[in-house]
């Protein structure tokens, strides 16, 4: 296990995030992966090819992406270990691994939605939430903007924080990079559009698989956080049991249901994607007319869950060292 590496990574990201100066200078691992995915999509995903051929090429693209990500992780780890003492190399790899997590930036983006609503009204809120969701936002009312922000917070807690940390714990920096490669591929080509239904099939299926353990774990952290905050851990558990399996995603429903139950609200429901109305089942049985205050409360729940995760990871890392 690489609990000490993961602990350094998550603590670094919580404190400093990914500095803008670093991004401007060298970019970000996700942008590097994105360029390779975009190249594969352009070069290999010709609409003139058969469905099966495009699906096979999508599998090949994902395997290439994984090979590059895993090999990069091993090379970086080996080079750093050969140049520095053990503890220093651990610190360096942990800091590098922090770039694969998004707990600080996620909180900032979601908080920006609440701030926009409070200061500048609904239009500013729509613009702020459009940066973190894929649905159309131009006609959303305040309640729908708030639901979208909280849903994004719940889903990305799982696949932007818990999942990369989970795979880093068990497979080190190569494991974290491999997960991020799969997740990035899914976000870019794992859609059911005409262009990507075949080519993105492997990315979407693989993303569902690698996110499965983290989605359940993220729901657990949220239930425990609800208990610490005096919210409704029982409601969170009941909502997960009742609604998580009916969500459009096999994984996102778990943290989303936990948040809805803990806060006593309703999430999901009807929405519009690319001009098409989608009738989604509601998650939770509480109030659906939400405001900026509900976003703030969801953020408090999220931060507590992140803190719990770090505390448990610290105990594990210490236990392995003793």
C-alpha atoms as a PDB file:
ATOM      1  CA  UNK A   1       0.000   0.000   0.000  1.00  0.00           C
ATOM      2  CA  UNK A   2       1.036   3.616  -0.649  1.00  0.00           C
ATOM      3  CA  UNK A   3      -0.925   5.289   2.150  1.00  0.00           C
ATOM      4  CA  UNK A   4       1.920   7.674   3.038  1.00  0.00           C
ATOM      5  CA  UNK A   5       2.213   8.824  -0.578  1.00  0.00           C
ATOM      6  CA  UNK A   6      -1.555   9.336  -0.802  1.00  0.00           C
ATOM      7  CA  UNK A   7      -1.602  11.222   2.507  1.00  0.00           C
ATOM      8  CA  UNK A   8       1.055  13.673   1.310  1.00  0.00           C
ATOM      9  CA  UNK A   9      -0.821  14.120  -1.962  1.00  0.00           C
ATOM     10  CA  UNK A  10      -4.204  14.832  -0.406  1.00  0.00           C
ATOM     11  CA  UNK A  11      -2.755  17.094   2.294  1.00  0.00           C
ATOM     12  CA  UNK A  12      -0.773  19.084  -0.299  1.00  0.00           C
ATOM     13  CA  UNK A  13      -3.820  19.511  -2.503  1.00  0.00           C
ATOM     14  CA  UNK A  14      -5.959  20.571   0.459  1.00  0.00           C
ATOM     15  CA  UNK A  15      -3.447  23.267   1.415  1.00  0.00           C
ATOM     16  CA  UNK A  16      -2.314  24.712  -1.924  1.00  0.00           C
ATOM     17  CA  UNK A  17      -4.389  23.057  -4.648  1.00  0.00           C
ATOM     18  CA  UNK A  18      -2.843  23.278  -8.114  1.00  0.00           C
ATOM     19  CA  UNK A  19      -1.242  26.745  -8.379  1.00  0.00           C
ATOM     20  CA  UNK A  20      -2.233  28.862 -11.382  1.00  0.00           C
ATOM     21  CA  UNK A  21       1.420  29.730 -11.976  1.00  0.00           C
ATOM     22  CA  UNK A  22       2.272  26.042 -12.388  1.00  0.00           C
ATOM     23  CA  UNK A  23      -0.666  25.548 -14.747  1.00  0.00           C
ATOM     24  CA  UNK A  24       0.409  28.482 -16.909  1.00  0.00           C
ATOM     25  CA  UNK A  25       3.981  27.186 -16.979  1.00  0.00           C
ATOM     26  CA  UNK A  26       3.538  23.462 -17.676  1.00  0.00           C
ATOM     27  CA  UNK A  27      -0.197  22.771 -17.941  1.00  0.00           C
ATOM     28  CA  UNK A  28      -1.828  19.925 -16.038  1.00  0.00           C
ATOM     29  CA  UNK A  29      -1.785  16.096 -16.323  1.00  0.00           C
ATOM     30  CA  UNK A  30      -5.424  16.165 -17.440  1.00  0.00           C
ATOM     31  CA  UNK A  31      -4.636  18.575 -20.279  1.00  0.00           C
ATOM     32  CA  UNK A  32      -1.721  16.374 -21.384  1.00  0.00           C
ATOM     33  CA  UNK A  33      -3.955  13.298 -21.394  1.00  0.00           C
ATOM     34  CA  UNK A  34      -6.638  15.286 -23.157  1.00  0.00           C
ATOM     35  CA  UNK A  35      -4.326  16.076 -26.061  1.00  0.00           C
ATOM     36  CA  UNK A  36      -3.574  12.395 -26.605  1.00  0.00           C
ATOM     37  CA  UNK A  37      -7.255  11.469 -26.405  1.00  0.00           C
ATOM     38  CA  UNK A  38      -8.184  14.232 -28.865  1.00  0.00           C
ATOM     39  CA  UNK A  39      -5.485  13.038 -31.267  1.00  0.00           C
ATOM     40  CA  UNK A  40      -6.767   9.450 -31.104  1.00  0.00           C
ATOM     41  CA  UNK A  41     -10.333  10.643 -31.630  1.00  0.00           C
ATOM     42  CA  UNK A  42      -9.365  12.677 -34.670  1.00  0.00           C
ATOM     43  CA  UNK A  43      -7.035  10.090 -36.213  1.00  0.00           C
ATOM     44  CA  UNK A  44      -8.856   6.823 -35.452  1.00  0.00           C
ATOM     45  CA  UNK A  45     -12.563   7.628 -35.093  1.00  0.00           C
ATOM     46  CA  UNK A  46     -13.650   8.016 -38.687  1.00  0.00           C
ATOM     47  CA  UNK A  47     -17.446   8.073 -39.191  1.00  0.00           C
ATOM     48  CA  UNK A  48     -16.997   6.046 -42.377  1.00  0.00           C
ATOM     49  CA  UNK A  49     -15.870   2.976 -40.424  1.00  0.00           C
ATOM     50  CA  UNK A  50     -18.194   0.296 -39.093  1.00  0.00           C
ATOM     51  CA  UNK A  51     -19.463   0.353 -35.521  1.00  0.00           C
ATOM     52  CA  UNK A  52     -17.324  -2.636 -34.505  1.00  0.00           C
ATOM     53  CA  UNK A  53     -14.175  -1.188 -36.062  1.00  0.00           C
ATOM     54  CA  UNK A  54     -14.672   2.120 -34.271  1.00  0.00           C
ATOM     55  CA  UNK A  55     -15.294   0.317 -30.990  1.00  0.00           C
ATOM     56  CA  UNK A  56     -12.107  -1.730 -31.456  1.00  0.00           C
ATOM     57  CA  UNK A  57     -10.152   1.424 -32.157  1.00  0.00           C
ATOM     58  CA  UNK A  58     -11.621   2.976 -29.030  1.00  0.00           C
ATOM     59  CA  UNK A  59     -10.308   0.023 -27.029  1.00  0.00           C
ATOM     60  CA  UNK A  60      -6.886   0.502 -28.626  1.00  0.00           C
ATOM     61  CA  UNK A  61      -6.950   4.231 -27.828  1.00  0.00           C
ATOM     62  CA  UNK A  62      -7.750   3.536 -24.185  1.00  0.00           C
ATOM     63  CA  UNK A  63      -4.978   0.921 -23.943  1.00  0.00           C
ATOM     64  CA  UNK A  64      -2.500   3.387 -25.458  1.00  0.00           C
ATOM     65  CA  UNK A  65      -3.562   6.074 -23.008  1.00  0.00           C
ATOM     66  CA  UNK A  66      -3.234   3.682 -20.066  1.00  0.00           C
ATOM     67  CA  UNK A  67       0.172   2.492 -21.213  1.00  0.00           C
ATOM     68  CA  UNK A  68       1.457   6.067 -21.442  1.00  0.00           C
ATOM     69  CA  UNK A  69      -0.022   7.005 -18.044  1.00  0.00           C
ATOM     70  CA  UNK A  70       1.253   3.944 -16.175  1.00  0.00           C
ATOM     71  CA  UNK A  71       4.688   4.039 -17.794  1.00  0.00           C
ATOM     72  CA  UNK A  72       4.998   7.747 -16.978  1.00  0.00           C
ATOM     73  CA  UNK A  73       4.142   7.007 -13.360  1.00  0.00           C
ATOM     74  CA  UNK A  74       6.796   4.303 -13.087  1.00  0.00           C
ATOM     75  CA  UNK A  75       9.441   6.436 -14.811  1.00  0.00           C
ATOM     76  CA  UNK A  76       8.813   9.446 -12.577  1.00  0.00           C
ATOM     77  CA  UNK A  77       8.800   7.292  -9.432  1.00  0.00           C
ATOM     78  CA  UNK A  78      12.010   5.496 -10.384  1.00  0.00           C
ATOM     79  CA  UNK A  79      13.865   8.651 -11.434  1.00  0.00           C
ATOM     80  CA  UNK A  80      12.913  10.541  -8.275  1.00  0.00           C
ATOM     81  CA  UNK A  81      13.829   7.536  -6.089  1.00  0.00           C
ATOM     82  CA  UNK A  82      17.230   7.289  -7.775  1.00  0.00           C
ATOM     83  CA  UNK A  83      18.033  10.978  -7.243  1.00  0.00           C
ATOM     84  CA  UNK A  84      16.855  11.613  -3.690  1.00  0.00           C
ATOM     85  CA  UNK A  85      16.756   9.917  -0.275  1.00  0.00           C
ATOM     86  CA  UNK A  86      13.646   7.867   0.488  1.00  0.00           C
ATOM     87  CA  UNK A  87      11.762  10.480   2.506  1.00  0.00           C
ATOM     88  CA  UNK A  88      12.522  13.305   0.063  1.00  0.00           C
ATOM     89  CA  UNK A  89      11.489  11.190  -2.917  1.00  0.00           C
ATOM     90  CA  UNK A  90       8.256  10.312  -1.091  1.00  0.00           C
ATOM     91  CA  UNK A  91       7.538  14.005  -0.561  1.00  0.00           C
ATOM     92  CA  UNK A  92       8.246  14.847  -4.204  1.00  0.00           C
ATOM     93  CA  UNK A  93       6.047  12.039  -5.540  1.00  0.00           C
ATOM     94  CA  UNK A  94       3.307  12.993  -3.094  1.00  0.00           C
ATOM     95  CA  UNK A  95       3.364  16.599  -4.258  1.00  0.00           C
ATOM     96  CA  UNK A  96       3.251  15.419  -7.883  1.00  0.00           C
ATOM     97  CA  UNK A  97       0.358  13.110  -7.024  1.00  0.00           C
ATOM     98  CA  UNK A  98      -1.591  16.039  -5.571  1.00  0.00           C
ATOM     99  CA  UNK A  99      -2.189  17.212  -9.135  1.00  0.00           C
ATOM    100  CA  UNK A 100      -4.493  14.217  -9.639  1.00  0.00           C
ATOM    101  CA  UNK A 101      -6.910  15.375  -6.916  1.00  0.00           C
ATOM    102  CA  UNK A 102      -9.531  18.116  -7.080  1.00  0.00           C
ATOM    103  CA  UNK A 103     -10.903  18.578  -3.565  1.00  0.00           C
ATOM    104  CA  UNK A 104      -9.839  22.228  -3.206  1.00  0.00           C
ATOM    105  CA  UNK A 105     -10.759  23.329  -6.723  1.00  0.00           C
ATOM    106  CA  UNK A 106     -14.107  21.519  -6.543  1.00  0.00           C
ATOM    107  CA  UNK A 107     -15.061  23.375  -3.375  1.00  0.00           C
ATOM    108  CA  UNK A 108     -13.988  26.670  -4.942  1.00  0.00           C
ATOM    109  CA  UNK A 109     -16.046  26.147  -8.115  1.00  0.00           C
ATOM    110  CA  UNK A 110     -19.173  25.134  -6.211  1.00  0.00           C
ATOM    111  CA  UNK A 111     -18.801  27.961  -3.695  1.00  0.00           C
ATOM    112  CA  UNK A 112     -18.556  30.355  -6.644  1.00  0.00           C
ATOM    113  CA  UNK A 113     -22.098  29.391  -7.643  1.00  0.00           C
ATOM    114  CA  UNK A 114     -23.455  30.296  -4.211  1.00  0.00           C
ATOM    115  CA  UNK A 115     -21.503  33.557  -4.199  1.00  0.00           C
ATOM    116  CA  UNK A 116     -22.753  34.474  -7.675  1.00  0.00           C
ATOM    117  CA  UNK A 117     -26.366  33.881  -6.656  1.00  0.00           C
ATOM    118  CA  UNK A 118     -25.999  35.861  -3.438  1.00  0.00           C
ATOM    119  CA  UNK A 119     -24.208  38.843  -4.975  1.00  0.00           C
ATOM    120  CA  UNK A 120     -25.387  39.123  -8.563  1.00  0.00           C
ATOM    121  CA  UNK A 121     -28.540  37.049  -8.961  1.00  0.00           C
ATOM    122  CA  UNK A 122     -29.768  34.251 -11.168  1.00  0.00           C
ATOM    123  CA  UNK A 123     -27.938  35.072 -14.397  1.00  0.00           C
ATOM    124  CA  UNK A 124     -24.572  35.095 -12.635  1.00  0.00           C
ATOM    125  CA  UNK A 125     -25.524  31.846 -10.918  1.00  0.00           C
ATOM    126  CA  UNK A 126     -26.318  30.227 -14.282  1.00  0.00           C
ATOM    127  CA  UNK A 127     -22.969  31.305 -15.689  1.00  0.00           C
ATOM    128  CA  UNK A 128     -21.098  29.997 -12.645  1.00  0.00           C
ATOM    129  CA  UNK A 129     -22.815  26.601 -12.647  1.00  0.00           C
ATOM    130  CA  UNK A 130     -22.340  26.205 -16.414  1.00  0.00           C
ATOM    131  CA  UNK A 131     -18.604  25.813 -15.720  1.00  0.00           C
ATOM    132  CA  UNK A 132     -19.108  22.630 -13.702  1.00  0.00           C
ATOM    133  CA  UNK A 133     -22.080  20.826 -15.312  1.00  0.00           C
ATOM    134  CA  UNK A 134     -22.821  19.432 -18.766  1.00  0.00           C
ATOM    135  CA  UNK A 135     -26.527  20.306 -18.917  1.00  0.00           C
ATOM    136  CA  UNK A 136     -27.987  23.485 -20.413  1.00  0.00           C
ATOM    137  CA  UNK A 137     -28.186  26.240 -17.823  1.00  0.00           C
ATOM    138  CA  UNK A 138     -29.634  29.267 -19.644  1.00  0.00           C
ATOM    139  CA  UNK A 139     -33.205  28.591 -18.503  1.00  0.00           C
ATOM    140  CA  UNK A 140     -32.537  27.200 -15.021  1.00  0.00           C
ATOM    141  CA  UNK A 141     -34.272  28.879 -12.102  1.00  0.00           C
ATOM    142  CA  UNK A 142     -32.476  29.422  -8.788  1.00  0.00           C
ATOM    143  CA  UNK A 143     -33.545  26.069  -7.340  1.00  0.00           C
ATOM    144  CA  UNK A 144     -32.324  24.189 -10.425  1.00  0.00           C
ATOM    145  CA  UNK A 145     -28.996  26.044 -10.370  1.00  0.00           C
ATOM    146  CA  UNK A 146     -28.515  25.061  -6.730  1.00  0.00           C
ATOM    147  CA  UNK A 147     -29.460  21.432  -7.374  1.00  0.00           C
ATOM    148  CA  UNK A 148     -27.010  21.279 -10.291  1.00  0.00           C
ATOM    149  CA  UNK A 149     -24.197  22.677  -8.145  1.00  0.00           C
ATOM    150  CA  UNK A 150     -24.856  20.238  -5.297  1.00  0.00           C
ATOM    151  CA  UNK A 151     -25.135  17.274  -7.691  1.00  0.00           C
ATOM    152  CA  UNK A 152     -21.793  18.226  -9.237  1.00  0.00           C
ATOM    153  CA  UNK A 153     -20.260  18.511  -5.773  1.00  0.00           C
ATOM    154  CA  UNK A 154     -21.490  15.029  -4.808  1.00  0.00           C
ATOM    155  CA  UNK A 155     -20.497  13.306  -8.050  1.00  0.00           C
ATOM    156  CA  UNK A 156     -17.079  14.935  -8.249  1.00  0.00           C
ATOM    157  CA  UNK A 157     -16.351  14.158  -4.613  1.00  0.00           C
ATOM    158  CA  UNK A 158     -16.387  10.537  -5.725  1.00  0.00           C
ATOM    159  CA  UNK A 159     -14.555  10.689  -9.054  1.00  0.00           C
ATOM    160  CA  UNK A 160     -12.393  13.759  -8.428  1.00  0.00           C
ATOM    161  CA  UNK A 161     -11.301  13.138  -4.858  1.00  0.00           C
ATOM    162  CA  UNK A 162     -12.068   9.684  -3.457  1.00  0.00           C
ATOM    163  CA  UNK A 163     -11.376   7.613  -6.584  1.00  0.00           C
ATOM    164  CA  UNK A 164      -7.909   8.957  -7.530  1.00  0.00           C
ATOM    165  CA  UNK A 165      -6.891   8.747  -3.872  1.00  0.00           C
ATOM    166  CA  UNK A 166      -8.201   5.174  -3.636  1.00  0.00           C
ATOM    167  CA  UNK A 167      -6.161   4.005  -6.621  1.00  0.00           C
ATOM    168  CA  UNK A 168      -3.103   5.928  -5.444  1.00  0.00           C
ATOM    169  CA  UNK A 169      -3.274   4.126  -2.098  1.00  0.00           C
ATOM    170  CA  UNK A 170      -3.243   0.710  -3.750  1.00  0.00           C
ATOM    171  CA  UNK A 171      -1.074   1.350  -6.813  1.00  0.00           C
ATOM    172  CA  UNK A 172       0.970   4.461  -6.096  1.00  0.00           C
ATOM    173  CA  UNK A 173       1.538   7.244  -8.600  1.00  0.00           C
ATOM    174  CA  UNK A 174       1.048   4.891 -11.618  1.00  0.00           C
ATOM    175  CA  UNK A 175      -2.333   3.847 -10.210  1.00  0.00           C
ATOM    176  CA  UNK A 176      -3.447   7.429  -9.726  1.00  0.00           C
ATOM    177  CA  UNK A 177      -2.364   8.346 -13.256  1.00  0.00           C
ATOM    178  CA  UNK A 178      -4.107   5.297 -14.712  1.00  0.00           C
ATOM    179  CA  UNK A 179      -7.353   6.229 -12.987  1.00  0.00           C
ATOM    180  CA  UNK A 180      -7.112   9.844 -14.147  1.00  0.00           C
ATOM    181  CA  UNK A 181      -6.486   8.673 -17.715  1.00  0.00           C
ATOM    182  CA  UNK A 182      -9.642   6.546 -17.691  1.00  0.00           C
ATOM    183  CA  UNK A 183     -11.727   9.283 -16.092  1.00  0.00           C
ATOM    184  CA  UNK A 184     -10.484  11.909 -18.563  1.00  0.00           C
ATOM    185  CA  UNK A 185     -11.201   9.626 -21.502  1.00  0.00           C
ATOM    186  CA  UNK A 186     -14.722   9.033 -20.233  1.00  0.00           C
ATOM    187  CA  UNK A 187     -15.371  12.769 -19.873  1.00  0.00           C
ATOM    188  CA  UNK A 188     -14.142  13.439 -23.424  1.00  0.00           C
ATOM    189  CA  UNK A 189     -15.385  10.478 -25.462  1.00  0.00           C
ATOM    190  CA  UNK A 190     -17.526   8.329 -23.155  1.00  0.00           C
ATOM    191  CA  UNK A 191     -20.794   9.788 -24.432  1.00  0.00           C
ATOM    192  CA  UNK A 192     -23.768   8.182 -26.161  1.00  0.00           C
ATOM    193  CA  UNK A 193     -23.556  10.603 -29.060  1.00  0.00           C
ATOM    194  CA  UNK A 194     -23.444   9.350 -32.635  1.00  0.00           C
ATOM    195  CA  UNK A 195     -19.725  10.090 -32.871  1.00  0.00           C
ATOM    196  CA  UNK A 196     -18.678   8.500 -29.581  1.00  0.00           C
ATOM    197  CA  UNK A 197     -21.155   5.694 -28.908  1.00  0.00           C
ATOM    198  CA  UNK A 198     -18.742   3.153 -30.417  1.00  0.00           C
ATOM    199  CA  UNK A 199     -15.354   4.827 -30.012  1.00  0.00           C
ATOM    200  CA  UNK A 200     -15.995   5.820 -26.404  1.00  0.00           C
ATOM    201  CA  UNK A 201     -17.573   2.514 -25.352  1.00  0.00           C
ATOM    202  CA  UNK A 202     -14.410   1.154 -23.692  1.00  0.00           C
ATOM    203  CA  UNK A 203     -13.709   4.418 -21.855  1.00  0.00           C
ATOM    204  CA  UNK A 204     -17.255   4.605 -20.475  1.00  0.00           C
ATOM    205  CA  UNK A 205     -17.375   0.960 -19.358  1.00  0.00           C
ATOM    206  CA  UNK A 206     -13.923   1.110 -17.803  1.00  0.00           C
ATOM    207  CA  UNK A 207     -14.774   4.339 -15.975  1.00  0.00           C
ATOM    208  CA  UNK A 208     -17.865   2.701 -14.486  1.00  0.00           C
ATOM    209  CA  UNK A 209     -15.713  -0.162 -13.239  1.00  0.00           C
ATOM    210  CA  UNK A 210     -12.855   1.811 -11.674  1.00  0.00           C
ATOM    211  CA  UNK A 211     -15.270   4.229  -9.970  1.00  0.00           C
ATOM    212  CA  UNK A 212     -17.359   1.494  -8.372  1.00  0.00           C
ATOM    213  CA  UNK A 213     -15.420   1.143  -5.075  1.00  0.00           C
ATOM    214  CA  UNK A 214     -14.910   4.886  -4.649  1.00  0.00           C
ATOM    215  CA  UNK A 215     -18.588   5.714  -5.152  1.00  0.00           C
ATOM    216  CA  UNK A 216     -19.546   3.423  -2.270  1.00  0.00           C
ATOM    217  CA  UNK A 217     -16.712   4.757  -0.130  1.00  0.00           C
ATOM    218  CA  UNK A 218     -17.684   8.367  -0.843  1.00  0.00           C
ATOM    219  CA  UNK A 219     -21.237   7.629   0.335  1.00  0.00           C
ATOM    220  CA  UNK A 220     -19.783   6.228   3.562  1.00  0.00           C
ATOM    221  CA  UNK A 221     -17.703   9.365   4.196  1.00  0.00           C
ATOM    222  CA  UNK A 222     -20.780  11.520   3.615  1.00  0.00           C
ATOM    223  CA  UNK A 223     -22.917   9.465   5.999  1.00  0.00           C
ATOM    224  CA  UNK A 224     -20.250   9.735   8.707  1.00  0.00           C
ATOM    225  CA  UNK A 225     -19.847  13.456   8.039  1.00  0.00           C
ATOM    226  CA  UNK A 226     -23.608  13.915   8.416  1.00  0.00           C
ATOM    227  CA  UNK A 227     -23.418  12.240  11.811  1.00  0.00           C
ATOM    228  CA  UNK A 228     -20.598  14.541  12.928  1.00  0.00           C
ATOM    229  CA  UNK A 229     -22.489  17.645  11.809  1.00  0.00           C
ATOM    230  CA  UNK A 230     -25.784  16.647  13.415  1.00  0.00           C
ATOM    231  CA  UNK A 231     -27.530  16.314  10.061  1.00  0.00           C
ATOM    232  CA  UNK A 232     -29.291  13.073   9.077  1.00  0.00           C
ATOM    233  CA  UNK A 233     -27.028  10.042   8.652  1.00  0.00           C
ATOM    234  CA  UNK A 234     -30.119   7.819   8.848  1.00  0.00           C
ATOM    235  CA  UNK A 235     -31.726   9.782   6.031  1.00  0.00           C
ATOM    236  CA  UNK A 236     -28.533   9.508   4.010  1.00  0.00           C
ATOM    237  CA  UNK A 237     -28.418   5.727   4.426  1.00  0.00           C
ATOM    238  CA  UNK A 238     -32.103   5.304   3.640  1.00  0.00           C
ATOM    239  CA  UNK A 239     -31.841   7.436   0.497  1.00  0.00           C
ATOM    240  CA  UNK A 240     -28.774   5.528  -0.704  1.00  0.00           C
ATOM    241  CA  UNK A 241     -30.575   2.210  -0.239  1.00  0.00           C
ATOM    242  CA  UNK A 242     -33.719   3.439  -1.976  1.00  0.00           C
ATOM    243  CA  UNK A 243     -32.505   5.716  -4.785  1.00  0.00           C
ATOM    244  CA  UNK A 244     -28.823   5.105  -5.641  1.00  0.00           C
ATOM    245  CA  UNK A 245     -29.487   2.135  -7.939  1.00  0.00           C
ATOM    246  CA  UNK A 246     -32.038   4.066 -10.012  1.00  0.00           C
ATOM    247  CA  UNK A 247     -29.632   6.866 -10.944  1.00  0.00           C
ATOM    248  CA  UNK A 248     -28.603   7.256 -14.589  1.00  0.00           C
ATOM    249  CA  UNK A 249     -25.040   6.509 -13.494  1.00  0.00           C
ATOM    250  CA  UNK A 250     -24.152   3.261 -11.709  1.00  0.00           C
ATOM    251  CA  UNK A 251     -21.817   5.218  -9.436  1.00  0.00           C
ATOM    252  CA  UNK A 252     -22.860   8.876  -9.159  1.00  0.00           C
ATOM    253  CA  UNK A 253     -26.129   7.924  -7.502  1.00  0.00           C
ATOM    254  CA  UNK A 254     -24.349   6.802  -4.320  1.00  0.00           C
ATOM    255  CA  UNK A 255     -22.783  10.113  -3.197  1.00  0.00           C
ATOM    256  CA  UNK A 256     -25.685  12.077  -4.659  1.00  0.00           C
ATOM    257  CA  UNK A 257     -28.226  10.056  -2.668  1.00  0.00           C
ATOM    258  CA  UNK A 258     -26.095  10.371   0.465  1.00  0.00           C
ATOM    259  CA  UNK A 259     -26.005  14.160   0.153  1.00  0.00           C
ATOM    260  CA  UNK A 260     -29.727  14.399  -0.603  1.00  0.00           C
ATOM    261  CA  UNK A 261     -30.641  12.240   2.392  1.00  0.00           C
ATOM    262  CA  UNK A 262     -28.221  13.952   4.760  1.00  0.00           C
ATOM    263  CA  UNK A 263     -29.546  17.422   3.875  1.00  0.00           C
ATOM    264  CA  UNK A 264     -33.206  16.425   3.502  1.00  0.00           C
ATOM    265  CA  UNK A 265     -33.442  17.657  -0.099  1.00  0.00           C
ATOM    266  CA  UNK A 266     -34.288  16.330  -3.566  1.00  0.00           C
ATOM    267  CA  UNK A 267     -31.720  16.197  -6.355  1.00  0.00           C
ATOM    268  CA  UNK A 268     -31.551  15.024  -9.969  1.00  0.00           C
ATOM    269  CA  UNK A 269     -34.976  15.121 -11.637  1.00  0.00           C
ATOM    270  CA  UNK A 270     -35.773  16.466 -15.142  1.00  0.00           C
ATOM    271  CA  UNK A 271     -33.100  18.422 -17.026  1.00  0.00           C
ATOM    272  CA  UNK A 272     -31.987  19.326 -20.567  1.00  0.00           C
ATOM    273  CA  UNK A 273     -28.872  17.964 -22.295  1.00  0.00           C
ATOM    274  CA  UNK A 274     -27.907  19.324 -25.721  1.00  0.00           C
ATOM    275  CA  UNK A 275     -31.428  20.593 -26.353  1.00  0.00           C
ATOM    276  CA  UNK A 276     -33.094  17.310 -25.377  1.00  0.00           C
ATOM    277  CA  UNK A 277     -35.333  17.099 -22.292  1.00  0.00           C
ATOM    278  CA  UNK A 278     -34.385  14.150 -20.080  1.00  0.00           C
ATOM    279  CA  UNK A 279     -36.837  12.843 -17.499  1.00  0.00           C
ATOM    280  CA  UNK A 280     -34.641  11.714 -14.626  1.00  0.00           C
ATOM    281  CA  UNK A 281     -35.965  10.142 -11.436  1.00  0.00           C
ATOM    282  CA  UNK A 282     -35.728  12.309  -8.320  1.00  0.00           C
ATOM    283  CA  UNK A 283     -33.144  11.382  -5.691  1.00  0.00           C
ATOM    284  CA  UNK A 284     -34.335  12.020  -2.138  1.00  0.00           C
ATOM    285  CA  UNK A 285     -37.740  12.948  -0.745  1.00  0.00           C
ATOM    286  CA  UNK A 286     -37.107  16.369   0.752  1.00  0.00           C
ATOM    287  CA  UNK A 287     -37.328  19.940  -0.501  1.00  0.00           C
ATOM    288  CA  UNK A 288     -36.360  20.636  -4.119  1.00  0.00           C
ATOM    289  CA  UNK A 289     -36.724  24.439  -3.944  1.00  0.00           C
ATOM    290  CA  UNK A 290     -33.144  25.130  -2.944  1.00  0.00           C
ATOM    291  CA  UNK A 291     -31.128  28.304  -2.451  1.00  0.00           C
ATOM    292  CA  UNK A 292     -27.533  29.404  -1.989  1.00  0.00           C
ATOM    293  CA  UNK A 293     -27.786  28.501   1.691  1.00  0.00           C
ATOM    294  CA  UNK A 294     -28.265  24.844   0.716  1.00  0.00           C
ATOM    295  CA  UNK A 295     -25.096  24.951  -1.398  1.00  0.00           C
ATOM    296  CA  UNK A 296     -23.198  26.298   1.624  1.00  0.00           C
ATOM    297  CA  UNK A 297     -24.529  23.484   3.801  1.00  0.00           C
ATOM    298  CA  UNK A 298     -23.605  20.887   1.163  1.00  0.00           C
ATOM    299  CA  UNK A 299     -20.103  22.349   1.064  1.00  0.00           C
ATOM    300  CA  UNK A 300     -19.848  22.024   4.825  1.00  0.00           C
ATOM    301  CA  UNK A 301     -20.840  18.372   4.538  1.00  0.00           C
ATOM    302  CA  UNK A 302     -18.311  17.881   1.725  1.00  0.00           C
ATOM    303  CA  UNK A 303     -15.442  19.481   3.627  1.00  0.00           C
ATOM    304  CA  UNK A 304     -16.196  17.375   6.687  1.00  0.00           C
ATOM    305  CA  UNK A 305     -16.203  14.239   4.546  1.00  0.00           C
ATOM    306  CA  UNK A 306     -12.847  15.254   3.044  1.00  0.00           C
ATOM    307  CA  UNK A 307     -11.463  15.831   6.525  1.00  0.00           C
ATOM    308  CA  UNK A 308     -12.668  12.419   7.670  1.00  0.00           C
ATOM    309  CA  UNK A 309     -11.001  10.783   4.691  1.00  0.00           C
ATOM    310  CA  UNK A 310      -7.689  12.504   5.457  1.00  0.00           C
ATOM    311  CA  UNK A 311      -7.908  11.554   9.142  1.00  0.00           C
ATOM    312  CA  UNK A 312      -8.552   7.877   8.376  1.00  0.00           C
ATOM    313  CA  UNK A 313      -5.762   7.873   5.795  1.00  0.00           C
ATOM    314  CA  UNK A 314      -3.376   9.365   8.367  1.00  0.00           C
ATOM    315  CA  UNK A 315      -4.232   6.589  10.812  1.00  0.00           C
ATOM    316  CA  UNK A 316      -3.647   3.957   8.111  1.00  0.00           C
ATOM    317  CA  UNK A 317      -0.327   5.512   7.069  1.00  0.00           C
ATOM    318  CA  UNK A 318       0.839   5.701  10.681  1.00  0.00           C
ATOM    319  CA  UNK A 319      -0.235   2.121  11.336  1.00  0.00           C
ATOM    320  CA  UNK A 320       1.729   0.861   8.347  1.00  0.00           C
ATOM    321  CA  UNK A 321       4.819   2.732   9.506  1.00  0.00           C
ATOM    322  CA  UNK A 322       4.744   1.279  13.038  1.00  0.00           C
END
